[in-house]
Amino acid sequence: MSRLEAVVVDVDPYATGPTSIIDTFDWQASPDGLATRRQLRALGLRPGGHDPVAQLRCRACRTKPARTCTRMAYLYRIDLALPVRPMTLAKEAALDRAMAKRSTCPKCRRRFHYCLQAAVLH
């Protein structure tokens, strides 16, 4: 084994618990400059292809530090985020077709203003 191969380590950045290599913060304790995907979206941004730099424990796990959190939220750097891609006509047409499929009754072909459940059809 060469010297270079000895330092290469396979690491999972999305691992949770004690094997995690990224910083973990409790609920509402994340530092400035980091945001979740939803917070980025509210700012009109997207992660832009970069990996999360930290993770945020859920509200229920804040009071129980020994608990293994199963609902982690990943935090991304705001300064590396990119603007959200604009909606194109092709994307809008594809989304309309998908929503039409979900809101049209297969028996009577009537289109509703809400999504139908697969098991409950008249």
N, C-alpha and C. Protein backbone atom coordinates (compact mmCIF):
# COMPACT_ATOMS: atom_id res chain seq x y z
N MET A 1 0.84 -1.17 0.00
CA MET A 1 0.00 0.00 0.00
C MET A 1 0.89 1.23 0.00
N SER A 2 0.57 2.16 -0.89
CA SER A 2 1.38 3.37 -0.98
C SER A 2 0.99 4.34 0.13
N ARG A 3 1.78 5.37 0.26
CA ARG A 3 1.55 6.36 1.31
C ARG A 3 0.25 7.13 1.08
N LEU A 4 -0.09 7.40 -0.17
CA LEU A 4 -1.30 8.12 -0.50
C LEU A 4 -2.55 7.30 -0.16
N GLU A 5 -2.51 6.00 -0.42
CA GLU A 5 -3.66 5.15 -0.13
C GLU A 5 -3.91 5.02 1.36
N ALA A 6 -2.91 5.20 2.18
CA ALA A 6 -3.05 5.05 3.62
C ALA A 6 -3.85 6.19 4.23
N VAL A 7 -3.86 7.37 3.63
CA VAL A 7 -4.57 8.50 4.21
C VAL A 7 -5.98 8.67 3.65
N VAL A 8 -6.34 7.96 2.61
CA VAL A 8 -7.67 8.06 2.04
C VAL A 8 -8.64 7.27 2.92
N VAL A 9 -9.72 7.95 3.37
CA VAL A 9 -10.69 7.32 4.25
C VAL A 9 -12.07 7.51 3.64
N ASP A 10 -12.84 6.44 3.61
CA ASP A 10 -14.20 6.52 3.10
C ASP A 10 -15.10 7.00 4.23
N VAL A 11 -15.72 8.18 4.05
CA VAL A 11 -16.53 8.80 5.09
C VAL A 11 -17.91 9.10 4.54
N ASP A 12 -18.93 8.85 5.34
CA ASP A 12 -20.30 9.17 4.97
C ASP A 12 -20.68 10.51 5.61
N PRO A 13 -20.82 11.60 4.81
CA PRO A 13 -21.16 12.90 5.41
C PRO A 13 -22.57 12.95 5.97
N TYR A 14 -23.44 12.00 5.61
CA TYR A 14 -24.82 12.00 6.08
C TYR A 14 -25.03 11.07 7.28
N ALA A 15 -23.96 10.54 7.83
CA ALA A 15 -24.07 9.66 8.99
C ALA A 15 -24.55 10.46 10.20
N THR A 16 -25.37 9.82 11.02
CA THR A 16 -25.86 10.48 12.23
C THR A 16 -25.26 9.80 13.45
N GLY A 17 -25.32 10.48 14.57
CA GLY A 17 -24.83 9.91 15.81
C GLY A 17 -23.36 10.19 16.03
N PRO A 18 -22.71 9.35 16.84
CA PRO A 18 -21.31 9.60 17.18
C PRO A 18 -20.35 9.44 16.01
N THR A 19 -20.77 8.77 14.93
CA THR A 19 -19.89 8.58 13.78
C THR A 19 -19.95 9.77 12.82
N SER A 20 -20.78 10.74 13.13
CA SER A 20 -20.95 11.90 12.26
C SER A 20 -19.68 12.74 12.23
N ILE A 21 -19.32 13.23 11.04
CA ILE A 21 -18.12 14.06 10.92
C ILE A 21 -18.46 15.54 10.82
N ILE A 22 -19.75 15.86 10.67
CA ILE A 22 -20.12 17.27 10.58
C ILE A 22 -20.69 17.71 11.92
N ASP A 23 -20.61 19.01 12.18
CA ASP A 23 -21.07 19.56 13.45
C ASP A 23 -22.57 19.35 13.62
N THR A 24 -22.98 19.14 14.87
CA THR A 24 -24.39 18.98 15.19
C THR A 24 -24.81 20.07 16.15
N PHE A 25 -25.91 20.74 15.83
CA PHE A 25 -26.43 21.81 16.67
C PHE A 25 -27.81 21.44 17.16
N ASP A 26 -28.18 21.93 18.34
CA ASP A 26 -29.52 21.72 18.86
C ASP A 26 -30.49 22.67 18.19
N TRP A 27 -31.77 22.39 18.38
CA TRP A 27 -32.84 23.18 17.81
C TRP A 27 -32.68 24.66 18.16
N GLN A 28 -32.77 25.53 17.19
CA GLN A 28 -32.65 26.98 17.31
C GLN A 28 -31.31 27.43 17.87
N ALA A 29 -30.26 26.64 17.64
CA ALA A 29 -28.93 27.02 18.12
C ALA A 29 -27.90 27.04 17.00
N SER A 30 -28.35 27.11 15.77
CA SER A 30 -27.39 27.10 14.65
C SER A 30 -26.74 28.47 14.52
N PRO A 31 -25.48 28.52 14.12
CA PRO A 31 -24.79 29.80 13.98
C PRO A 31 -25.28 30.58 12.76
N ASP A 32 -24.97 31.87 12.75
CA ASP A 32 -25.34 32.71 11.61
C ASP A 32 -24.59 32.25 10.37
N GLY A 33 -25.21 32.42 9.23
CA GLY A 33 -24.58 32.05 7.97
C GLY A 33 -24.94 30.66 7.50
N LEU A 34 -25.72 29.91 8.32
CA LEU A 34 -26.16 28.57 7.94
C LEU A 34 -27.69 28.55 7.89
N ALA A 35 -28.24 27.77 6.96
CA ALA A 35 -29.69 27.69 6.82
C ALA A 35 -30.07 26.32 6.31
N THR A 36 -31.30 25.90 6.64
CA THR A 36 -31.84 24.65 6.11
C THR A 36 -32.32 24.87 4.68
N ARG A 37 -32.73 23.81 4.01
CA ARG A 37 -33.24 23.93 2.65
C ARG A 37 -34.48 24.82 2.59
N ARG A 38 -35.36 24.67 3.56
CA ARG A 38 -36.57 25.50 3.57
C ARG A 38 -36.24 26.96 3.80
N GLN A 39 -35.29 27.23 4.67
CA GLN A 39 -34.89 28.61 4.90
C GLN A 39 -34.23 29.20 3.66
N LEU A 40 -33.43 28.40 2.97
CA LEU A 40 -32.83 28.87 1.72
C LEU A 40 -33.90 29.18 0.69
N ARG A 41 -34.90 28.31 0.58
CA ARG A 41 -35.97 28.51 -0.38
C ARG A 41 -36.75 29.78 -0.09
N ALA A 42 -36.96 30.07 1.21
CA ALA A 42 -37.66 31.30 1.59
C ALA A 42 -36.86 32.54 1.19
N LEU A 43 -35.54 32.39 1.11
CA LEU A 43 -34.67 33.49 0.69
C LEU A 43 -34.50 33.54 -0.83
N GLY A 44 -35.12 32.59 -1.54
CA GLY A 44 -34.99 32.54 -2.99
C GLY A 44 -33.69 31.90 -3.43
N LEU A 45 -33.14 31.00 -2.60
CA LEU A 45 -31.86 30.35 -2.89
C LEU A 45 -32.02 28.84 -2.87
N ARG A 46 -30.99 28.15 -3.36
CA ARG A 46 -30.90 26.69 -3.31
C ARG A 46 -29.48 26.32 -2.91
N PRO A 47 -29.24 25.09 -2.40
CA PRO A 47 -27.89 24.73 -1.95
C PRO A 47 -26.82 24.86 -3.02
N GLY A 48 -27.16 24.68 -4.27
CA GLY A 48 -26.19 24.89 -5.34
C GLY A 48 -25.18 23.77 -5.50
N GLY A 49 -25.52 22.57 -5.05
CA GLY A 49 -24.65 21.43 -5.27
C GLY A 49 -23.61 21.18 -4.20
N HIS A 50 -23.46 22.06 -3.23
CA HIS A 50 -22.46 21.80 -2.19
C HIS A 50 -23.08 20.98 -1.06
N ASP A 51 -22.25 20.22 -0.38
CA ASP A 51 -22.70 19.33 0.69
C ASP A 51 -23.05 20.13 1.94
N PRO A 52 -23.88 19.53 2.82
CA PRO A 52 -24.19 20.22 4.08
C PRO A 52 -22.94 20.35 4.94
N VAL A 53 -22.88 21.43 5.70
CA VAL A 53 -21.72 21.67 6.55
C VAL A 53 -22.01 21.36 8.01
N ALA A 54 -23.29 21.22 8.36
CA ALA A 54 -23.68 20.90 9.73
C ALA A 54 -25.06 20.28 9.70
N GLN A 55 -25.49 19.80 10.86
CA GLN A 55 -26.82 19.24 10.96
C GLN A 55 -27.50 19.79 12.20
N LEU A 56 -28.82 19.80 12.16
CA LEU A 56 -29.62 20.40 13.22
C LEU A 56 -30.52 19.32 13.81
N ARG A 57 -30.44 19.14 15.13
CA ARG A 57 -31.30 18.16 15.78
C ARG A 57 -32.71 18.71 15.90
N CYS A 58 -33.69 17.83 15.95
CA CYS A 58 -35.09 18.25 16.02
C CYS A 58 -35.44 18.79 17.40
N ARG A 59 -36.59 19.40 17.51
CA ARG A 59 -37.02 20.03 18.76
C ARG A 59 -37.18 19.01 19.88
N ALA A 60 -37.69 17.82 19.57
CA ALA A 60 -37.90 16.80 20.60
C ALA A 60 -36.58 16.30 21.18
N CYS A 61 -35.53 16.30 20.39
CA CYS A 61 -34.23 15.80 20.86
C CYS A 61 -33.45 16.84 21.64
N ARG A 62 -33.91 18.09 21.65
CA ARG A 62 -33.20 19.14 22.36
C ARG A 62 -33.16 18.86 23.86
N THR A 63 -34.26 18.32 24.39
CA THR A 63 -34.33 18.07 25.83
C THR A 63 -33.75 16.72 26.22
N LYS A 64 -33.45 15.87 25.25
CA LYS A 64 -32.90 14.54 25.53
C LYS A 64 -31.59 14.37 24.77
N PRO A 65 -30.46 14.83 25.32
CA PRO A 65 -29.20 14.80 24.58
C PRO A 65 -28.71 13.39 24.25
N ALA A 66 -29.10 12.40 25.01
CA ALA A 66 -28.62 11.04 24.75
C ALA A 66 -29.42 10.35 23.64
N ARG A 67 -30.54 10.92 23.28
CA ARG A 67 -31.40 10.32 22.26
C ARG A 67 -30.77 10.47 20.88
N THR A 68 -30.86 9.42 20.07
CA THR A 68 -30.39 9.48 18.69
C THR A 68 -31.49 10.10 17.84
N CYS A 69 -31.19 11.22 17.26
CA CYS A 69 -32.18 11.96 16.48
C CYS A 69 -32.36 11.30 15.11
N THR A 70 -33.60 11.08 14.74
CA THR A 70 -33.89 10.48 13.44
C THR A 70 -34.43 11.49 12.45
N ARG A 71 -34.65 12.74 12.89
CA ARG A 71 -35.19 13.77 12.01
C ARG A 71 -34.22 14.94 11.89
N MET A 72 -33.03 14.66 11.49
CA MET A 72 -32.01 15.70 11.33
C MET A 72 -32.35 16.60 10.14
N ALA A 73 -32.02 17.86 10.30
CA ALA A 73 -32.11 18.81 9.19
C ALA A 73 -30.69 19.24 8.86
N TYR A 74 -30.33 19.21 7.61
CA TYR A 74 -28.98 19.59 7.22
C TYR A 74 -28.89 21.09 7.00
N LEU A 75 -27.76 21.66 7.38
CA LEU A 75 -27.53 23.10 7.27
C LEU A 75 -26.52 23.37 6.16
N TYR A 76 -26.81 24.37 5.35
CA TYR A 76 -25.98 24.75 4.22
C TYR A 76 -25.50 26.18 4.40
N ARG A 77 -24.36 26.50 3.82
CA ARG A 77 -23.82 27.86 3.90
C ARG A 77 -24.59 28.78 2.96
N ILE A 78 -25.04 29.91 3.50
CA ILE A 78 -25.82 30.85 2.71
C ILE A 78 -24.95 31.53 1.65
N ASP A 79 -23.68 31.78 1.98
CA ASP A 79 -22.82 32.48 1.02
C ASP A 79 -22.49 31.62 -0.20
N LEU A 80 -22.61 30.30 -0.11
CA LEU A 80 -22.35 29.41 -1.25
C LEU A 80 -23.63 29.07 -2.02
N ALA A 81 -24.78 29.47 -1.50
CA ALA A 81 -26.05 29.15 -2.14
C ALA A 81 -26.22 29.94 -3.44
N LEU A 82 -26.93 29.34 -4.36
CA LEU A 82 -27.19 29.94 -5.67
C LEU A 82 -28.66 30.33 -5.77
N PRO A 83 -29.00 31.24 -6.66
CA PRO A 83 -30.41 31.60 -6.84
C PRO A 83 -31.21 30.41 -7.38
N VAL A 84 -32.49 30.39 -7.03
CA VAL A 84 -33.38 29.34 -7.52
C VAL A 84 -33.52 29.48 -9.03
N ARG A 85 -33.52 28.34 -9.72
CA ARG A 85 -33.68 28.38 -11.18
C ARG A 85 -35.09 28.84 -11.52
N PRO A 86 -35.25 29.67 -12.54
CA PRO A 86 -36.58 30.15 -12.90
C PRO A 86 -37.42 29.03 -13.53
N MET A 87 -38.74 29.15 -13.37
CA MET A 87 -39.66 28.18 -13.95
C MET A 87 -39.74 28.43 -15.46
N THR A 88 -39.53 27.39 -16.24
CA THR A 88 -39.65 27.50 -17.70
C THR A 88 -41.03 27.00 -18.12
N LEU A 89 -41.40 27.28 -19.36
CA LEU A 89 -42.69 26.83 -19.86
C LEU A 89 -42.76 25.30 -19.92
N ALA A 90 -41.66 24.67 -20.26
CA ALA A 90 -41.64 23.21 -20.32
C ALA A 90 -41.84 22.59 -18.94
N LYS A 91 -41.18 23.16 -17.92
CA LYS A 91 -41.36 22.67 -16.55
C LYS A 91 -42.80 22.87 -16.09
N GLU A 92 -43.35 24.04 -16.39
CA GLU A 92 -44.72 24.34 -15.99
C GLU A 92 -45.71 23.38 -16.65
N ALA A 93 -45.49 23.07 -17.92
CA ALA A 93 -46.37 22.14 -18.63
C ALA A 93 -46.25 20.73 -18.05
N ALA A 94 -45.04 20.32 -17.71
CA ALA A 94 -44.84 18.99 -17.13
C ALA A 94 -45.50 18.88 -15.76
N LEU A 95 -45.39 19.92 -14.94
CA LEU A 95 -46.04 19.92 -13.63
C LEU A 95 -47.56 19.93 -13.77
N ASP A 96 -48.08 20.65 -14.76
CA ASP A 96 -49.52 20.67 -14.97
C ASP A 96 -50.03 19.29 -15.39
N ARG A 97 -49.28 18.60 -16.25
CA ARG A 97 -49.68 17.25 -16.65
C ARG A 97 -49.66 16.29 -15.46
N ALA A 98 -48.64 16.41 -14.60
CA ALA A 98 -48.54 15.55 -13.43
C ALA A 98 -49.70 15.81 -12.46
N MET A 99 -50.02 17.08 -12.24
CA MET A 99 -51.13 17.41 -11.34
C MET A 99 -52.46 17.00 -11.94
N ALA A 100 -52.60 17.09 -13.25
CA ALA A 100 -53.83 16.65 -13.90
C ALA A 100 -54.04 15.15 -13.70
N LYS A 101 -52.97 14.39 -13.76
CA LYS A 101 -53.05 12.94 -13.56
C LYS A 101 -53.51 12.63 -12.13
N ARG A 102 -53.02 13.40 -11.15
CA ARG A 102 -53.36 13.15 -9.76
C ARG A 102 -54.75 13.65 -9.38
N SER A 103 -55.29 14.61 -10.14
CA SER A 103 -56.58 15.19 -9.75
C SER A 103 -57.72 14.79 -10.69
N THR A 104 -57.50 13.87 -11.61
CA THR A 104 -58.55 13.42 -12.53
C THR A 104 -59.01 12.03 -12.13
N CYS A 105 -60.31 11.88 -12.02
CA CYS A 105 -60.88 10.58 -11.67
C CYS A 105 -60.75 9.66 -12.88
N PRO A 106 -60.20 8.46 -12.70
CA PRO A 106 -60.02 7.56 -13.85
C PRO A 106 -61.34 6.98 -14.38
N LYS A 107 -62.39 7.00 -13.56
CA LYS A 107 -63.67 6.42 -14.01
C LYS A 107 -64.51 7.43 -14.78
N CYS A 108 -64.71 8.60 -14.22
CA CYS A 108 -65.60 9.58 -14.86
C CYS A 108 -64.84 10.67 -15.61
N ARG A 109 -63.51 10.69 -15.51
CA ARG A 109 -62.63 11.64 -16.20
C ARG A 109 -62.88 13.09 -15.78
N ARG A 110 -63.46 13.29 -14.59
CA ARG A 110 -63.69 14.63 -14.08
C ARG A 110 -62.45 15.09 -13.32
N ARG A 111 -62.05 16.33 -13.56
CA ARG A 111 -60.86 16.87 -12.88
C ARG A 111 -61.29 17.73 -11.70
N PHE A 112 -60.73 17.42 -10.54
CA PHE A 112 -61.04 18.14 -9.32
C PHE A 112 -59.95 19.16 -9.03
N HIS A 113 -60.21 20.07 -8.09
CA HIS A 113 -59.22 21.10 -7.73
C HIS A 113 -58.31 20.63 -6.61
N TYR A 114 -58.36 19.34 -6.27
CA TYR A 114 -57.50 18.76 -5.24
C TYR A 114 -57.04 17.39 -5.71
N CYS A 115 -56.03 16.85 -5.07
CA CYS A 115 -55.50 15.53 -5.44
C CYS A 115 -56.40 14.44 -4.88
N LEU A 116 -56.68 13.45 -5.71
CA LEU A 116 -57.50 12.33 -5.29
C LEU A 116 -56.64 11.25 -4.66
N GLN A 117 -57.22 10.57 -3.69
CA GLN A 117 -56.52 9.43 -3.10
C GLN A 117 -56.70 8.23 -4.00
N ALA A 118 -55.67 7.40 -4.09
CA ALA A 118 -55.71 6.26 -4.99
C ALA A 118 -56.78 5.25 -4.56
N ALA A 119 -56.98 5.07 -3.26
CA ALA A 119 -57.92 4.05 -2.78
C ALA A 119 -59.36 4.54 -2.76
N VAL A 120 -59.57 5.85 -2.71
CA VAL A 120 -60.92 6.37 -2.59
C VAL A 120 -61.33 7.01 -3.92
N LEU A 121 -61.91 6.22 -4.79
CA LEU A 121 -62.41 6.72 -6.06
C LEU A 121 -63.88 6.35 -6.16
N HIS A 122 -64.67 7.20 -6.82
CA HIS A 122 -66.10 6.89 -6.91
C HIS A 122 -66.42 6.18 -8.17
